[in-house]
Amino acid sequence: MEGYAKLMIVTMVVAGLALGSGPMVANGQKVCGMNNEGFKACQPSVTAGNPSPPPPSASCCMALNEADLTCLCFFKNSKLMNDYGIDFNRVKDLPVQCNLTKSFNC
């Protein structure tokens, strides 16, 4: 159940960032191992509305390296991802694009 709660928070943060006015991760707290700056760094690469999103930035990749990626699996089929313009397949592909040794499957 704890993983579910973490994933809900991540989805809200990512979705909010896609809208440009999302909730902030307060006081340096991390959600699924990522802080607000990490989410912001990755946002351009996961936006569904962009047919050719940029590759993840170095700061996005650094944030992903610290993230608990399996925590994101809860949102695989979430309507929130579509509602807020986040392409989950792009989220899932970020670790590969960052050449991280860890990856996740849902």
PDB file of N, CA and C in Angstrom:
ATOM      1  N   MET A   1       0.821  -1.190   0.000  1.00  0.00           N
ATOM      2  CA  MET A   1       0.000   0.000   0.000  1.00  0.00           C
ATOM      3  C   MET A   1       0.864   1.253   0.000  1.00  0.00           C
ATOM      4  N   GLU A   2       2.022   1.193   0.639  1.00  0.00           N
ATOM      5  CA  GLU A   2       2.914   2.346   0.672  1.00  0.00           C
ATOM      6  C   GLU A   2       3.370   2.708  -0.733  1.00  0.00           C
ATOM      7  N   GLY A   3       3.649   1.703  -1.571  1.00  0.00           N
ATOM      8  CA  GLY A   3       4.048   1.946  -2.953  1.00  0.00           C
ATOM      9  C   GLY A   3       2.952   2.643  -3.731  1.00  0.00           C
ATOM     10  N   TYR A   4       1.709   2.276  -3.475  1.00  0.00           N
ATOM     11  CA  TYR A   4       0.557   2.899  -4.136  1.00  0.00           C
ATOM     12  C   TYR A   4       0.507   4.384  -3.796  1.00  0.00           C
ATOM     13  N   ALA A   5       0.682   4.718  -2.548  1.00  0.00           N
ATOM     14  CA  ALA A   5       0.633   6.114  -2.120  1.00  0.00           C
ATOM     15  C   ALA A   5       1.763   6.913  -2.761  1.00  0.00           C
ATOM     16  N   LYS A   6       2.954   6.334  -2.793  1.00  0.00           N
ATOM     17  CA  LYS A   6       4.085   7.022  -3.424  1.00  0.00           C
ATOM     18  C   LYS A   6       3.811   7.273  -4.896  1.00  0.00           C
ATOM     19  N   LEU A   7       3.284   6.274  -5.569  1.00  0.00           N
ATOM     20  CA  LEU A   7       3.034   6.401  -6.990  1.00  0.00           C
ATOM     21  C   LEU A   7       1.958   7.442  -7.274  1.00  0.00           C
ATOM     22  N   MET A   8       0.945   7.532  -6.435  1.00  0.00           N
ATOM     23  CA  MET A   8      -0.082   8.554  -6.610  1.00  0.00           C
ATOM     24  C   MET A   8       0.533   9.936  -6.503  1.00  0.00           C
ATOM     25  N   ILE A   9       1.426  10.116  -5.566  1.00  0.00           N
ATOM     26  CA  ILE A   9       2.081  11.408  -5.386  1.00  0.00           C
ATOM     27  C   ILE A   9       2.933  11.722  -6.607  1.00  0.00           C
ATOM     28  N   VAL A  10       3.677  10.746  -7.105  1.00  0.00           N
ATOM     29  CA  VAL A  10       4.509  10.955  -8.287  1.00  0.00           C
ATOM     30  C   VAL A  10       3.655  11.368  -9.472  1.00  0.00           C
ATOM     31  N   THR A  11       2.554  10.686  -9.670  1.00  0.00           N
ATOM     32  CA  THR A  11       1.685  11.014 -10.799  1.00  0.00           C
ATOM     33  C   THR A  11       1.176  12.443 -10.696  1.00  0.00           C
ATOM     34  N   MET A  12       0.757  12.844  -9.514  1.00  0.00           N
ATOM     35  CA  MET A  12       0.259  14.207  -9.347  1.00  0.00           C
ATOM     36  C   MET A  12       1.353  15.226  -9.607  1.00  0.00           C
ATOM     37  N   VAL A  13       2.559  14.953  -9.141  1.00  0.00           N
ATOM     38  CA  VAL A  13       3.662  15.882  -9.354  1.00  0.00           C
ATOM     39  C   VAL A  13       4.008  15.964 -10.835  1.00  0.00           C
ATOM     40  N   VAL A  14       4.161  14.804 -11.497  1.00  0.00           N
ATOM     41  CA  VAL A  14       4.499  14.789 -12.916  1.00  0.00           C
ATOM     42  C   VAL A  14       3.392  15.454 -13.730  1.00  0.00           C
ATOM     43  N   ALA A  15       2.157  15.126 -13.432  1.00  0.00           N
ATOM     44  CA  ALA A  15       1.036  15.726 -14.154  1.00  0.00           C
ATOM     45  C   ALA A  15       0.999  17.235 -13.929  1.00  0.00           C
ATOM     46  N   GLY A  16       1.230  17.649 -12.728  1.00  0.00           N
ATOM     47  CA  GLY A  16       1.248  19.086 -12.440  1.00  0.00           C
ATOM     48  C   GLY A  16       2.362  19.798 -13.169  1.00  0.00           C
ATOM     49  N   LEU A  17       3.504  19.180 -13.260  1.00  0.00           N
ATOM     50  CA  LEU A  17       4.608  19.783 -13.998  1.00  0.00           C
ATOM     51  C   LEU A  17       4.275  19.916 -15.473  1.00  0.00           C
ATOM     52  N   ALA A  18       3.567  18.950 -16.007  1.00  0.00           N
ATOM     53  CA  ALA A  18       3.178  19.020 -17.418  1.00  0.00           C
ATOM     54  C   ALA A  18       2.276  20.219 -17.669  1.00  0.00           C
ATOM     55  N   LEU A  19       1.495  20.591 -16.673  1.00  0.00           N
ATOM     56  CA  LEU A  19       0.624  21.747 -16.806  1.00  0.00           C
ATOM     57  C   LEU A  19       1.352  23.047 -16.492  1.00  0.00           C
ATOM     58  N   GLY A  20       2.554  22.937 -15.972  1.00  0.00           N
ATOM     59  CA  GLY A  20       3.339  24.125 -15.684  1.00  0.00           C
ATOM     60  C   GLY A  20       3.075  24.751 -14.333  1.00  0.00           C
ATOM     61  N   SER A  21       2.174  24.193 -13.576  1.00  0.00           N
ATOM     62  CA  SER A  21       1.875  24.787 -12.275  1.00  0.00           C
ATOM     63  C   SER A  21       1.599  23.716 -11.242  1.00  0.00           C
ATOM     64  N   GLY A  22       2.376  22.662 -11.288  1.00  0.00           N
ATOM     65  CA  GLY A  22       2.126  21.519 -10.439  1.00  0.00           C
ATOM     66  C   GLY A  22       2.541  21.717  -9.006  1.00  0.00           C
ATOM     67  N   PRO A  23       2.154  20.782  -8.168  1.00  0.00           N
ATOM     68  CA  PRO A  23       2.517  20.840  -6.759  1.00  0.00           C
ATOM     69  C   PRO A  23       4.025  20.688  -6.593  1.00  0.00           C
ATOM     70  N   MET A  24       4.553  21.329  -5.613  1.00  0.00           N
ATOM     71  CA  MET A  24       5.982  21.257  -5.361  1.00  0.00           C
ATOM     72  C   MET A  24       6.248  20.186  -4.311  1.00  0.00           C
ATOM     73  N   VAL A  25       7.391  19.544  -4.435  1.00  0.00           N
ATOM     74  CA  VAL A  25       7.835  18.628  -3.408  1.00  0.00           C
ATOM     75  C   VAL A  25       8.494  19.511  -2.354  1.00  0.00           C
ATOM     76  N   ALA A  26       7.870  19.614  -1.210  1.00  0.00           N
ATOM     77  CA  ALA A  26       8.260  20.601  -0.211  1.00  0.00           C
ATOM     78  C   ALA A  26       9.473  20.175   0.603  1.00  0.00           C
ATOM     79  N   ASN A  27      10.217  21.161   1.050  1.00  0.00           N
ATOM     80  CA  ASN A  27      11.315  20.979   1.994  1.00  0.00           C
ATOM     81  C   ASN A  27      12.324  19.930   1.553  1.00  0.00           C
ATOM     82  N   GLY A  28      12.574  19.827   0.276  1.00  0.00           N
ATOM     83  CA  GLY A  28      13.567  18.889  -0.213  1.00  0.00           C
ATOM     84  C   GLY A  28      13.156  17.436  -0.114  1.00  0.00           C
ATOM     85  N   GLN A  29      11.893  17.171   0.204  1.00  0.00           N
ATOM     86  CA  GLN A  29      11.426  15.794   0.283  1.00  0.00           C
ATOM     87  C   GLN A  29      11.461  15.167  -1.097  1.00  0.00           C
ATOM     88  N   LYS A  30      11.601  13.872  -1.115  1.00  0.00           N
ATOM     89  CA  LYS A  30      11.646  13.145  -2.370  1.00  0.00           C
ATOM     90  C   LYS A  30      10.420  12.260  -2.504  1.00  0.00           C
ATOM     91  N   VAL A  31       9.973  12.107  -3.732  1.00  0.00           N
ATOM     92  CA  VAL A  31       8.870  11.215  -4.056  1.00  0.00           C
ATOM     93  C   VAL A  31       9.438  10.179  -5.000  1.00  0.00           C
ATOM     94  N   CYS A  32       9.340   8.929  -4.623  1.00  0.00           N
ATOM     95  CA  CYS A  32       9.949   7.837  -5.398  1.00  0.00           C
ATOM     96  C   CYS A  32      11.428   8.123  -5.653  1.00  0.00           C
ATOM     97  N   GLY A  33      12.049   8.766  -4.721  1.00  0.00           N
ATOM     98  CA  GLY A  33      13.473   9.043  -4.818  1.00  0.00           C
ATOM     99  C   GLY A  33      13.838  10.262  -5.644  1.00  0.00           C
ATOM    100  N   MET A  34      12.845  10.987  -6.152  1.00  0.00           N
ATOM    101  CA  MET A  34      13.124  12.177  -6.971  1.00  0.00           C
ATOM    102  C   MET A  34      12.567  13.420  -6.289  1.00  0.00           C
ATOM    103  N   ASN A  35      13.312  14.506  -6.382  1.00  0.00           N
ATOM    104  CA  ASN A  35      12.828  15.773  -5.846  1.00  0.00           C
ATOM    105  C   ASN A  35      12.189  16.585  -6.975  1.00  0.00           C
ATOM    106  N   ASN A  36      11.679  17.738  -6.644  1.00  0.00           N
ATOM    107  CA  ASN A  36      10.973  18.580  -7.602  1.00  0.00           C
ATOM    108  C   ASN A  36      11.851  18.937  -8.807  1.00  0.00           C
ATOM    109  N   GLU A  37      13.112  19.231  -8.556  1.00  0.00           N
ATOM    110  CA  GLU A  37      14.017  19.588  -9.649  1.00  0.00           C
ATOM    111  C   GLU A  37      14.187  18.424 -10.620  1.00  0.00           C
ATOM    112  N   GLY A  38      14.229  17.212 -10.099  1.00  0.00           N
ATOM    113  CA  GLY A  38      14.340  16.033 -10.948  1.00  0.00           C
ATOM    114  C   GLY A  38      13.125  15.866 -11.841  1.00  0.00           C
ATOM    115  N   PHE A  39      11.931  16.074 -11.273  1.00  0.00           N
ATOM    116  CA  PHE A  39      10.715  15.984 -12.075  1.00  0.00           C
ATOM    117  C   PHE A  39      10.705  17.051 -13.166  1.00  0.00           C
ATOM    118  N   LYS A  40      11.085  18.257 -12.804  1.00  0.00           N
ATOM    119  CA  LYS A  40      11.111  19.341 -13.787  1.00  0.00           C
ATOM    120  C   LYS A  40      12.114  19.047 -14.898  1.00  0.00           C
ATOM    121  N   ALA A  41      13.249  18.475 -14.540  1.00  0.00           N
ATOM    122  CA  ALA A  41      14.275  18.179 -15.539  1.00  0.00           C
ATOM    123  C   ALA A  41      13.798  17.126 -16.532  1.00  0.00           C
ATOM    124  N   CYS A  42      12.968  16.210 -16.092  1.00  0.00           N
ATOM    125  CA  CYS A  42      12.490  15.129 -16.961  1.00  0.00           C
ATOM    126  C   CYS A  42      11.220  15.477 -17.726  1.00  0.00           C
ATOM    127  N   GLN A  43      10.498  16.467 -17.295  1.00  0.00           N
ATOM    128  CA  GLN A  43       9.195  16.792 -17.871  1.00  0.00           C
ATOM    129  C   GLN A  43       9.209  16.980 -19.385  1.00  0.00           C
ATOM    130  N   PRO A  44      10.146  17.699 -19.979  1.00  0.00           N
ATOM    131  CA  PRO A  44      10.092  17.889 -21.436  1.00  0.00           C
ATOM    132  C   PRO A  44      10.182  16.578 -22.228  1.00  0.00           C
ATOM    133  N   SER A  45      10.812  15.591 -21.665  1.00  0.00           N
ATOM    134  CA  SER A  45      11.018  14.321 -22.371  1.00  0.00           C
ATOM    135  C   SER A  45       9.835  13.370 -22.274  1.00  0.00           C
ATOM    136  N   VAL A  46       8.850  13.678 -21.449  1.00  0.00           N
ATOM    137  CA  VAL A  46       7.714  12.761 -21.262  1.00  0.00           C
ATOM    138  C   VAL A  46       6.373  13.351 -21.666  1.00  0.00           C
ATOM    139  N   THR A  47       6.374  14.570 -22.162  1.00  0.00           N
ATOM    140  CA  THR A  47       5.136  15.219 -22.562  1.00  0.00           C
ATOM    141  C   THR A  47       4.594  14.583 -23.828  1.00  0.00           C
ATOM    142  N   ALA A  48       3.362  14.120 -23.770  1.00  0.00           N
ATOM    143  CA  ALA A  48       2.744  13.429 -24.900  1.00  0.00           C
ATOM    144  C   ALA A  48       2.463  14.361 -26.070  1.00  0.00           C
ATOM    145  N   GLY A  49       2.217  15.628 -25.814  1.00  0.00           N
ATOM    146  CA  GLY A  49       1.850  16.564 -26.863  1.00  0.00           C
ATOM    147  C   GLY A  49       2.966  16.906 -27.826  1.00  0.00           C
ATOM    148  N   ASN A  50       4.192  16.572 -27.482  1.00  0.00           N
ATOM    149  CA  ASN A  50       5.326  16.879 -28.341  1.00  0.00           C
ATOM    150  C   ASN A  50       5.673  15.636 -29.160  1.00  0.00           C
ATOM    151  N   PRO A  51       5.486  15.684 -30.489  1.00  0.00           N
ATOM    152  CA  PRO A  51       5.762  14.493 -31.300  1.00  0.00           C
ATOM    153  C   PRO A  51       7.246  14.109 -31.325  1.00  0.00           C
ATOM    154  N   SER A  52       8.109  15.059 -31.048  1.00  0.00           N
ATOM    155  CA  SER A  52       9.553  14.782 -31.031  1.00  0.00           C
ATOM    156  C   SER A  52      10.157  15.354 -29.757  1.00  0.00           C
ATOM    157  N   PRO A  53       9.897  14.690 -28.619  1.00  0.00           N
ATOM    158  CA  PRO A  53      10.419  15.238 -27.360  1.00  0.00           C
ATOM    159  C   PRO A  53      11.938  15.163 -27.323  1.00  0.00           C
ATOM    160  N   PRO A  54      12.545  16.087 -26.605  1.00  0.00           N
ATOM    161  CA  PRO A  54      14.001  16.058 -26.491  1.00  0.00           C
ATOM    162  C   PRO A  54      14.445  14.862 -25.654  1.00  0.00           C
ATOM    163  N   PRO A  55      15.667  14.421 -25.857  1.00  0.00           N
ATOM    164  CA  PRO A  55      16.178  13.359 -24.981  1.00  0.00           C
ATOM    165  C   PRO A  55      16.305  13.905 -23.561  1.00  0.00           C
ATOM    166  N   PRO A  56      16.316  13.022 -22.589  1.00  0.00           N
ATOM    167  CA  PRO A  56      16.440  13.499 -21.209  1.00  0.00           C
ATOM    168  C   PRO A  56      17.762  14.232 -21.003  1.00  0.00           C
ATOM    169  N   SER A  57      17.693  15.276 -20.215  1.00  0.00           N
ATOM    170  CA  SER A  57      18.884  16.068 -19.896  1.00  0.00           C
ATOM    171  C   SER A  57      19.768  15.312 -18.907  1.00  0.00           C
ATOM    172  N   ALA A  58      20.974  15.794 -18.744  1.00  0.00           N
ATOM    173  CA  ALA A  58      21.900  15.195 -17.776  1.00  0.00           C
ATOM    174  C   ALA A  58      21.308  15.268 -16.365  1.00  0.00           C
ATOM    175  N   SER A  59      20.640  16.379 -16.041  1.00  0.00           N
ATOM    176  CA  SER A  59      20.057  16.497 -14.696  1.00  0.00           C
ATOM    177  C   SER A  59      18.870  15.544 -14.526  1.00  0.00           C
ATOM    178  N   CYS A  60      18.122  15.292 -15.590  1.00  0.00           N
ATOM    179  CA  CYS A  60      17.045  14.303 -15.532  1.00  0.00           C
ATOM    180  C   CYS A  60      17.643  12.924 -15.263  1.00  0.00           C
ATOM    181  N   CYS A  61      18.675  12.584 -15.993  1.00  0.00           N
ATOM    182  CA  CYS A  61      19.300  11.269 -15.834  1.00  0.00           C
ATOM    183  C   CYS A  61      19.893  11.090 -14.436  1.00  0.00           C
ATOM    184  N   MET A  62      20.473  12.150 -13.898  1.00  0.00           N
ATOM    185  CA  MET A  62      21.013  12.063 -12.536  1.00  0.00           C
ATOM    186  C   MET A  62      19.881  11.819 -11.545  1.00  0.00           C
ATOM    187  N   ALA A  63      18.751  12.487 -11.737  1.00  0.00           N
ATOM    188  CA  ALA A  63      17.607  12.297 -10.847  1.00  0.00           C
ATOM    189  C   ALA A  63      17.061  10.875 -10.969  1.00  0.00           C
ATOM    190  N   LEU A  64      16.997  10.360 -12.192  1.00  0.00           N
ATOM    191  CA  LEU A  64      16.503   8.995 -12.398  1.00  0.00           C
ATOM    192  C   LEU A  64      17.413   7.959 -11.763  1.00  0.00           C
ATOM    193  N   ASN A  65      18.688   8.248 -11.742  1.00  0.00           N
ATOM    194  CA  ASN A  65      19.637   7.322 -11.151  1.00  0.00           C
ATOM    195  C   ASN A  65      19.376   7.124  -9.665  1.00  0.00           C
ATOM    196  N   GLU A  66      18.787   8.124  -9.027  1.00  0.00           N
ATOM    197  CA  GLU A  66      18.463   8.053  -7.603  1.00  0.00           C
ATOM    198  C   GLU A  66      17.030   7.584  -7.356  1.00  0.00           C
ATOM    199  N   ALA A  67      16.230   7.481  -8.406  1.00  0.00           N
ATOM    200  CA  ALA A  67      14.801   7.212  -8.262  1.00  0.00           C
ATOM    201  C   ALA A  67      14.492   5.746  -8.004  1.00  0.00           C
ATOM    202  N   ASP A  68      13.368   5.522  -7.366  1.00  0.00           N
ATOM    203  CA  ASP A  68      12.789   4.189  -7.198  1.00  0.00           C
ATOM    204  C   ASP A  68      11.833   4.004  -8.370  1.00  0.00           C
ATOM    205  N   LEU A  69      12.343   3.424  -9.453  1.00  0.00           N
ATOM    206  CA  LEU A  69      11.594   3.356 -10.701  1.00  0.00           C
ATOM    207  C   LEU A  69      10.365   2.456 -10.628  1.00  0.00           C
ATOM    208  N   THR A  70      10.434   1.403  -9.854  1.00  0.00           N
ATOM    209  CA  THR A  70       9.268   0.513  -9.764  1.00  0.00           C
ATOM    210  C   THR A  70       8.072   1.221  -9.132  1.00  0.00           C
ATOM    211  N   CYS A  71       8.322   2.271  -8.418  1.00  0.00           N
ATOM    212  CA  CYS A  71       7.269   3.077  -7.813  1.00  0.00           C
ATOM    213  C   CYS A  71       6.376   3.697  -8.894  1.00  0.00           C
ATOM    214  N   LEU A  72       6.877   3.870 -10.098  1.00  0.00           N
ATOM    215  CA  LEU A  72       6.112   4.488 -11.177  1.00  0.00           C
ATOM    216  C   LEU A  72       5.112   3.547 -11.847  1.00  0.00           C
ATOM    217  N   CYS A  73       5.260   2.256 -11.635  1.00  0.00           N
ATOM    218  CA  CYS A  73       4.434   1.274 -12.338  1.00  0.00           C
ATOM    219  C   CYS A  73       2.947   1.398 -12.051  1.00  0.00           C
ATOM    220  N   PHE A  74       2.590   1.943 -10.918  1.00  0.00           N
ATOM    221  CA  PHE A  74       1.183   2.086 -10.579  1.00  0.00           C
ATOM    222  C   PHE A  74       0.439   2.911 -11.626  1.00  0.00           C
ATOM    223  N   PHE A  75       1.123   3.823 -12.293  1.00  0.00           N
ATOM    224  CA  PHE A  75       0.479   4.740 -13.219  1.00  0.00           C
ATOM    225  C   PHE A  75       0.455   4.250 -14.652  1.00  0.00           C
ATOM    226  N   LYS A  76       0.909   3.047 -14.869  1.00  0.00           N
ATOM    227  CA  LYS A  76       0.989   2.521 -16.235  1.00  0.00           C
ATOM    228  C   LYS A  76      -0.304   2.721 -17.015  1.00  0.00           C
ATOM    229  N   ASN A  77      -1.416   2.423 -16.437  1.00  0.00           N
ATOM    230  CA  ASN A  77      -2.706   2.551 -17.117  1.00  0.00           C
ATOM    231  C   ASN A  77      -3.578   3.641 -16.507  1.00  0.00           C
ATOM    232  N   SER A  78      -2.937   4.584 -15.865  1.00  0.00           N
ATOM    233  CA  SER A  78      -3.669   5.638 -15.186  1.00  0.00           C
ATOM    234  C   SER A  78      -4.241   6.659 -16.165  1.00  0.00           C
ATOM    235  N   LYS A  79      -5.492   6.973 -15.983  1.00  0.00           N
ATOM    236  CA  LYS A  79      -6.138   8.010 -16.781  1.00  0.00           C
ATOM    237  C   LYS A  79      -5.475   9.370 -16.520  1.00  0.00           C
ATOM    238  N   LEU A  80      -4.926   9.548 -15.340  1.00  0.00           N
ATOM    239  CA  LEU A  80      -4.260  10.814 -15.020  1.00  0.00           C
ATOM    240  C   LEU A  80      -3.113  11.113 -15.965  1.00  0.00           C
ATOM    241  N   MET A  81      -2.393  10.079 -16.378  1.00  0.00           N
ATOM    242  CA  MET A  81      -1.281  10.300 -17.300  1.00  0.00           C
ATOM    243  C   MET A  81      -1.789  10.933 -18.592  1.00  0.00           C
ATOM    244  N   ASN A  82      -2.855  10.389 -19.135  1.00  0.00           N
ATOM    245  CA  ASN A  82      -3.433  10.948 -20.366  1.00  0.00           C
ATOM    246  C   ASN A  82      -4.036  12.318 -20.124  1.00  0.00           C
ATOM    247  N   ASP A  83      -4.744  12.467 -19.016  1.00  0.00           N
ATOM    248  CA  ASP A  83      -5.382  13.742 -18.715  1.00  0.00           C
ATOM    249  C   ASP A  83      -4.376  14.886 -18.622  1.00  0.00           C
ATOM    250  N   TYR A  84      -3.192  14.591 -18.139  1.00  0.00           N
ATOM    251  CA  TYR A  84      -2.186  15.627 -17.957  1.00  0.00           C
ATOM    252  C   TYR A  84      -1.086  15.619 -19.017  1.00  0.00           C
ATOM    253  N   GLY A  85      -1.300  14.851 -20.063  1.00  0.00           N
ATOM    254  CA  GLY A  85      -0.378  14.900 -21.197  1.00  0.00           C
ATOM    255  C   GLY A  85       0.944  14.205 -20.980  1.00  0.00           C
ATOM    256  N   ILE A  86       0.992  13.225 -20.095  1.00  0.00           N
ATOM    257  CA  ILE A  86       2.216  12.480 -19.840  1.00  0.00           C
ATOM    258  C   ILE A  86       2.114  11.141 -20.555  1.00  0.00           C
ATOM    259  N   ASP A  87       3.104  10.833 -21.352  1.00  0.00           N
ATOM    260  CA  ASP A  87       3.159   9.560 -22.069  1.00  0.00           C
ATOM    261  C   ASP A  87       3.946   8.576 -21.211  1.00  0.00           C
ATOM    262  N   PHE A  88       3.244   7.589 -20.623  1.00  0.00           N
ATOM    263  CA  PHE A  88       3.921   6.655 -19.722  1.00  0.00           C
ATOM    264  C   PHE A  88       5.016   5.871 -20.426  1.00  0.00           C
ATOM    265  N   ASN A  89       4.847   5.566 -21.703  1.00  0.00           N
ATOM    266  CA  ASN A  89       5.901   4.858 -22.427  1.00  0.00           C
ATOM    267  C   ASN A  89       7.177   5.679 -22.482  1.00  0.00           C
ATOM    268  N   ARG A  90       7.034   6.985 -22.566  1.00  0.00           N
ATOM    269  CA  ARG A  90       8.215   7.859 -22.530  1.00  0.00           C
ATOM    270  C   ARG A  90       8.846   7.856 -21.144  1.00  0.00           C
ATOM    271  N   VAL A  91       8.004   7.847 -20.119  1.00  0.00           N
ATOM    272  CA  VAL A  91       8.523   7.762 -18.743  1.00  0.00           C
ATOM    273  C   VAL A  91       9.312   6.465 -18.586  1.00  0.00           C
ATOM    274  N   LYS A  92       8.713   5.379 -19.047  1.00  0.00           N
ATOM    275  CA  LYS A  92       9.328   4.054 -18.918  1.00  0.00           C
ATOM    276  C   LYS A  92      10.645   3.956 -19.685  1.00  0.00           C
ATOM    277  N   ASP A  93      10.760   4.680 -20.783  1.00  0.00           N
ATOM    278  CA  ASP A  93      11.967   4.617 -21.612  1.00  0.00           C
ATOM    279  C   ASP A  93      13.110   5.503 -21.126  1.00  0.00           C
ATOM    280  N   LEU A  94      12.852   6.387 -20.190  1.00  0.00           N
ATOM    281  CA  LEU A  94      13.896   7.309 -19.734  1.00  0.00           C
ATOM    282  C   LEU A  94      15.162   6.613 -19.230  1.00  0.00           C
ATOM    283  N   PRO A  95      15.057   5.564 -18.408  1.00  0.00           N
ATOM    284  CA  PRO A  95      16.298   4.935 -17.932  1.00  0.00           C
ATOM    285  C   PRO A  95      17.175   4.405 -19.075  1.00  0.00           C
ATOM    286  N   VAL A  96      16.538   3.868 -20.103  1.00  0.00           N
ATOM    287  CA  VAL A  96      17.299   3.367 -21.256  1.00  0.00           C
ATOM    288  C   VAL A  96      17.960   4.530 -21.982  1.00  0.00           C
ATOM    289  N   GLN A  97      17.223   5.604 -22.169  1.00  0.00           N
ATOM    290  CA  GLN A  97      17.775   6.781 -22.844  1.00  0.00           C
ATOM    291  C   GLN A  97      18.924   7.393 -22.056  1.00  0.00           C
ATOM    292  N   CYS A  98      18.880   7.219 -20.753  1.00  0.00           N
ATOM    293  CA  CYS A  98      19.941   7.756 -19.889  1.00  0.00           C
ATOM    294  C   CYS A  98      21.115   6.788 -19.719  1.00  0.00           C
ATOM    295  N   ASN A  99      21.016   5.629 -20.370  1.00  0.00           N
ATOM    296  CA  ASN A  99      22.051   4.604 -20.253  1.00  0.00           C
ATOM    297  C   ASN A  99      22.288   4.177 -18.818  1.00  0.00           C
ATOM    298  N   LEU A 100      21.197   4.087 -18.064  1.00  0.00           N
ATOM    299  CA  LEU A 100      21.287   3.644 -16.674  1.00  0.00           C
ATOM    300  C   LEU A 100      21.301   2.120 -16.663  1.00  0.00           C
ATOM    301  N   THR A 101      22.027   1.563 -15.737  1.00  0.00           N
ATOM    302  CA  THR A 101      22.079   0.105 -15.637  1.00  0.00           C
ATOM    303  C   THR A 101      20.776  -0.449 -15.088  1.00  0.00           C
ATOM    304  N   LYS A 102      20.056   0.365 -14.348  1.00  0.00           N
ATOM    305  CA  LYS A 102      18.769  -0.117 -13.832  1.00  0.00           C
ATOM    306  C   LYS A 102      17.658   0.290 -14.784  1.00  0.00           C
ATOM    307  N   SER A 103      16.648  -0.504 -14.824  1.00  0.00           N
ATOM    308  CA  SER A 103      15.465  -0.192 -15.617  1.00  0.00           C
ATOM    309  C   SER A 103      14.273  -0.769 -14.869  1.00  0.00           C
ATOM    310  N   PHE A 104      13.095  -0.607 -15.425  1.00  0.00           N
ATOM    311  CA  PHE A 104      11.936  -1.186 -14.771  1.00  0.00           C
ATOM    312  C   PHE A 104      10.932  -1.665 -15.800  1.00  0.00           C
ATOM    313  N   ASN A 105      10.239  -2.717 -15.433  1.00  0.00           N
ATOM    314  CA  ASN A 105       9.153  -3.244 -16.227  1.00  0.00           C
ATOM    315  C   ASN A 105       7.926  -3.324 -15.356  1.00  0.00           C
ATOM    316  N   CYS A 106       6.801  -3.029 -15.949  1.00  0.00           N
ATOM    317  CA  CYS A 106       5.557  -3.062 -15.182  1.00  0.00           C
ATOM    318  C   CYS A 106       4.684  -4.197 -15.675  1.00  0.00           C
TER     319      CYS A 106
END
